[in-house]
Amino acid sequence: MKFTLLSDDEIWQVATLMMDNLMDASTRRDHVAHIRDFTPRLKAIVTKDYLDRVCEQYQAEKGFFTERVPLTIFKRPDSAIVVWKQFFSKAEGEFMAEMVLVYQNDRFLCDHVTVL
């Protein structure tokens, strides 16, 4: 799969569905749902205990995820970096949500995700 040949709309569609699931699952602290679309590499990092600690911290400090606005996509032959403007229910200001989208074993997967 060459990401440079995919349209932005195709990438936004896949990445948005994945990010919706990730954020909903982390809000509920549902580890199985949260890692559903992760690569094996990322699954090894985001254990249930790790997710619980991250969720505890961000929910206490920032609240829950609210609006997310698409910003840009950086395409590489083997991946795409997808970036949104992200807002929270308690924290003021703008944050950045980012995902690295890859294609492995005949499906799109998330190989990195963060909110800064």
C-alpha atoms as a PDB file:
ATOM      1  CA  MET A   1       0.000   0.000   0.000  1.00  0.00           C
ATOM      2  CA  LYS A   2       1.503   3.320  -1.085  1.00  0.00           C
ATOM      3  CA  PHE A   3       0.021   6.099   1.001  1.00  0.00           C
ATOM      4  CA  THR A   4       1.252   8.654  -1.521  1.00  0.00           C
ATOM      5  CA  LEU A   5      -1.310   7.228  -3.968  1.00  0.00           C
ATOM      6  CA  LEU A   6      -4.270   7.525  -1.567  1.00  0.00           C
ATOM      7  CA  SER A   7      -6.441  10.622  -1.563  1.00  0.00           C
ATOM      8  CA  ASP A   8      -6.650  12.773   1.547  1.00  0.00           C
ATOM      9  CA  ASP A   9     -10.344  11.880   1.796  1.00  0.00           C
ATOM     10  CA  GLU A  10      -9.524   8.159   1.887  1.00  0.00           C
ATOM     11  CA  ILE A  11      -6.957   8.679   4.632  1.00  0.00           C
ATOM     12  CA  TRP A  12      -9.226  11.008   6.656  1.00  0.00           C
ATOM     13  CA  GLN A  13     -12.027   8.446   6.519  1.00  0.00           C
ATOM     14  CA  VAL A  14      -9.877   5.590   7.857  1.00  0.00           C
ATOM     15  CA  ALA A  15      -8.004   7.674  10.427  1.00  0.00           C
ATOM     16  CA  THR A  16     -11.106   9.412  11.769  1.00  0.00           C
ATOM     17  CA  LEU A  17     -12.901   6.118  12.412  1.00  0.00           C
ATOM     18  CA  MET A  18      -9.825   4.799  14.211  1.00  0.00           C
ATOM     19  CA  MET A  19      -9.370   7.954  16.283  1.00  0.00           C
ATOM     20  CA  ASP A  20     -13.076   8.016  17.196  1.00  0.00           C
ATOM     21  CA  ASN A  21     -12.721   4.460  18.523  1.00  0.00           C
ATOM     22  CA  LEU A  22      -9.456   5.218  20.354  1.00  0.00           C
ATOM     23  CA  MET A  23     -10.849   8.259  22.115  1.00  0.00           C
ATOM     24  CA  ASP A  24     -14.164   6.637  22.997  1.00  0.00           C
ATOM     25  CA  ALA A  25     -12.402   3.534  24.327  1.00  0.00           C
ATOM     26  CA  SER A  26      -9.952   5.564  26.404  1.00  0.00           C
ATOM     27  CA  THR A  27     -12.816   7.615  27.857  1.00  0.00           C
ATOM     28  CA  ARG A  28     -14.420   4.335  28.949  1.00  0.00           C
ATOM     29  CA  ARG A  29     -11.011   2.847  29.849  1.00  0.00           C
ATOM     30  CA  ASP A  30     -11.757  -0.135  27.620  1.00  0.00           C
ATOM     31  CA  HIS A  31      -8.337  -1.582  26.823  1.00  0.00           C
ATOM     32  CA  VAL A  32      -9.529  -4.221  24.353  1.00  0.00           C
ATOM     33  CA  ALA A  33     -11.421  -1.659  22.264  1.00  0.00           C
ATOM     34  CA  HIS A  34      -8.633   0.898  22.577  1.00  0.00           C
ATOM     35  CA  ILE A  35      -5.933  -1.342  21.076  1.00  0.00           C
ATOM     36  CA  ARG A  36      -8.205  -2.932  18.445  1.00  0.00           C
ATOM     37  CA  ASP A  37      -6.496  -1.159  15.527  1.00  0.00           C
ATOM     38  CA  PHE A  38      -2.933  -1.065  16.908  1.00  0.00           C
ATOM     39  CA  THR A  39       0.109  -2.655  15.306  1.00  0.00           C
ATOM     40  CA  PRO A  40       1.766  -5.437  17.333  1.00  0.00           C
ATOM     41  CA  ARG A  41       4.538  -2.957  18.205  1.00  0.00           C
ATOM     42  CA  LEU A  42       2.081  -0.476  19.723  1.00  0.00           C
ATOM     43  CA  LYS A  43       0.042  -3.187  21.462  1.00  0.00           C
ATOM     44  CA  ALA A  44       3.221  -4.246  23.282  1.00  0.00           C
ATOM     45  CA  ILE A  45       3.608  -0.699  24.637  1.00  0.00           C
ATOM     46  CA  VAL A  46      -0.009   0.085  25.539  1.00  0.00           C
ATOM     47  CA  THR A  47      -0.739  -2.537  28.171  1.00  0.00           C
ATOM     48  CA  LYS A  48      -3.908  -2.387  30.269  1.00  0.00           C
ATOM     49  CA  ASP A  49      -1.963  -0.906  33.205  1.00  0.00           C
ATOM     50  CA  TYR A  50      -0.320   1.684  30.950  1.00  0.00           C
ATOM     51  CA  LEU A  51      -3.681   2.754  29.496  1.00  0.00           C
ATOM     52  CA  ASP A  52      -5.230   2.987  32.974  1.00  0.00           C
ATOM     53  CA  ARG A  53      -2.412   5.292  34.152  1.00  0.00           C
ATOM     54  CA  VAL A  54      -2.625   7.520  31.058  1.00  0.00           C
ATOM     55  CA  CYS A  55      -6.422   7.779  31.281  1.00  0.00           C
ATOM     56  CA  GLU A  56      -6.327   8.566  34.988  1.00  0.00           C
ATOM     57  CA  GLN A  57      -3.880  11.400  34.400  1.00  0.00           C
ATOM     58  CA  TYR A  58      -5.426  13.064  31.343  1.00  0.00           C
ATOM     59  CA  GLN A  59      -9.001  12.773  32.631  1.00  0.00           C
ATOM     60  CA  ALA A  60      -8.035  14.351  35.976  1.00  0.00           C
ATOM     61  CA  GLU A  61      -6.050  17.174  34.346  1.00  0.00           C
ATOM     62  CA  LYS A  62      -7.916  17.845  31.111  1.00  0.00           C
ATOM     63  CA  GLY A  63     -11.295  16.121  31.329  1.00  0.00           C
ATOM     64  CA  PHE A  64     -12.667  14.264  28.349  1.00  0.00           C
ATOM     65  CA  PHE A  65     -12.153  14.620  24.615  1.00  0.00           C
ATOM     66  CA  THR A  66     -14.582  16.971  22.909  1.00  0.00           C
ATOM     67  CA  GLU A  67     -14.312  18.546  19.469  1.00  0.00           C
ATOM     68  CA  ARG A  68     -11.614  17.402  17.039  1.00  0.00           C
ATOM     69  CA  VAL A  69     -10.845  19.373  13.883  1.00  0.00           C
ATOM     70  CA  PRO A  70      -8.882  17.895  10.944  1.00  0.00           C
ATOM     71  CA  LEU A  71      -5.695  19.848  10.195  1.00  0.00           C
ATOM     72  CA  THR A  72      -3.334  18.023   7.855  1.00  0.00           C
ATOM     73  CA  ILE A  73      -1.935  14.773   6.532  1.00  0.00           C
ATOM     74  CA  PHE A  74       1.722  14.064   5.843  1.00  0.00           C
ATOM     75  CA  LYS A  75       2.043  11.210   3.345  1.00  0.00           C
ATOM     76  CA  ARG A  76       4.993   8.871   3.039  1.00  0.00           C
ATOM     77  CA  PRO A  77       5.144   5.808   0.807  1.00  0.00           C
ATOM     78  CA  ASP A  78       4.581   3.427   3.739  1.00  0.00           C
ATOM     79  CA  SER A  79       2.578   5.564   6.190  1.00  0.00           C
ATOM     80  CA  ALA A  80       0.625   8.743   6.806  1.00  0.00           C
ATOM     81  CA  ILE A  81       0.800  11.108   9.742  1.00  0.00           C
ATOM     82  CA  VAL A  82      -2.664  12.484  10.463  1.00  0.00           C
ATOM     83  CA  VAL A  83      -3.045  15.613  12.623  1.00  0.00           C
ATOM     84  CA  TRP A  84      -6.105  17.168  14.264  1.00  0.00           C
ATOM     85  CA  LYS A  85      -6.737  20.140  16.541  1.00  0.00           C
ATOM     86  CA  GLN A  86      -8.169  18.621  19.738  1.00  0.00           C
ATOM     87  CA  PHE A  87     -10.193  20.105  22.582  1.00  0.00           C
ATOM     88  CA  PHE A  88     -10.987  18.825  26.091  1.00  0.00           C
ATOM     89  CA  SER A  89     -13.926  19.309  28.450  1.00  0.00           C
ATOM     90  CA  LYS A  90     -11.878  20.852  31.334  1.00  0.00           C
ATOM     91  CA  ALA A  91      -8.625  22.162  29.899  1.00  0.00           C
ATOM     92  CA  GLU A  92      -8.653  25.475  28.084  1.00  0.00           C
ATOM     93  CA  GLY A  93      -6.876  25.952  24.802  1.00  0.00           C
ATOM     94  CA  GLU A  94      -6.000  23.900  21.774  1.00  0.00           C
ATOM     95  CA  PHE A  95      -4.204  20.565  21.739  1.00  0.00           C
ATOM     96  CA  MET A  96      -2.852  18.414  18.926  1.00  0.00           C
ATOM     97  CA  ALA A  97      -3.976  14.835  18.270  1.00  0.00           C
ATOM     98  CA  GLU A  98      -1.667  12.828  16.011  1.00  0.00           C
ATOM     99  CA  MET A  99      -1.763   9.344  14.536  1.00  0.00           C
ATOM    100  CA  VAL A 100       0.650   7.381  12.362  1.00  0.00           C
ATOM    101  CA  LEU A 101      -1.378   5.205  10.020  1.00  0.00           C
ATOM    102  CA  VAL A 102       0.230   2.145   8.398  1.00  0.00           C
ATOM    103  CA  TYR A 103      -0.953  -0.790   6.315  1.00  0.00           C
ATOM    104  CA  GLN A 104      -0.016  -4.263   7.591  1.00  0.00           C
ATOM    105  CA  ASN A 105      -1.492  -7.710   7.005  1.00  0.00           C
ATOM    106  CA  ASP A 106      -4.107  -6.349   4.591  1.00  0.00           C
ATOM    107  CA  ARG A 107      -5.519  -3.695   6.928  1.00  0.00           C
ATOM    108  CA  PHE A 108      -4.931  -0.187   8.138  1.00  0.00           C
ATOM    109  CA  LEU A 109      -3.457   0.024  11.637  1.00  0.00           C
ATOM    110  CA  CYS A 110      -2.309   2.695  14.060  1.00  0.00           C
ATOM    111  CA  ASP A 111       1.430   2.546  14.830  1.00  0.00           C
ATOM    112  CA  HIS A 112       1.589   5.695  16.988  1.00  0.00           C
ATOM    113  CA  VAL A 113      -0.952   7.994  18.570  1.00  0.00           C
ATOM    114  CA  THR A 114      -0.692  10.891  20.974  1.00  0.00           C
ATOM    115  CA  VAL A 115      -2.410  14.035  22.172  1.00  0.00           C
ATOM    116  CA  LEU A 116      -0.154  16.944  23.092  1.00  0.00           C
END
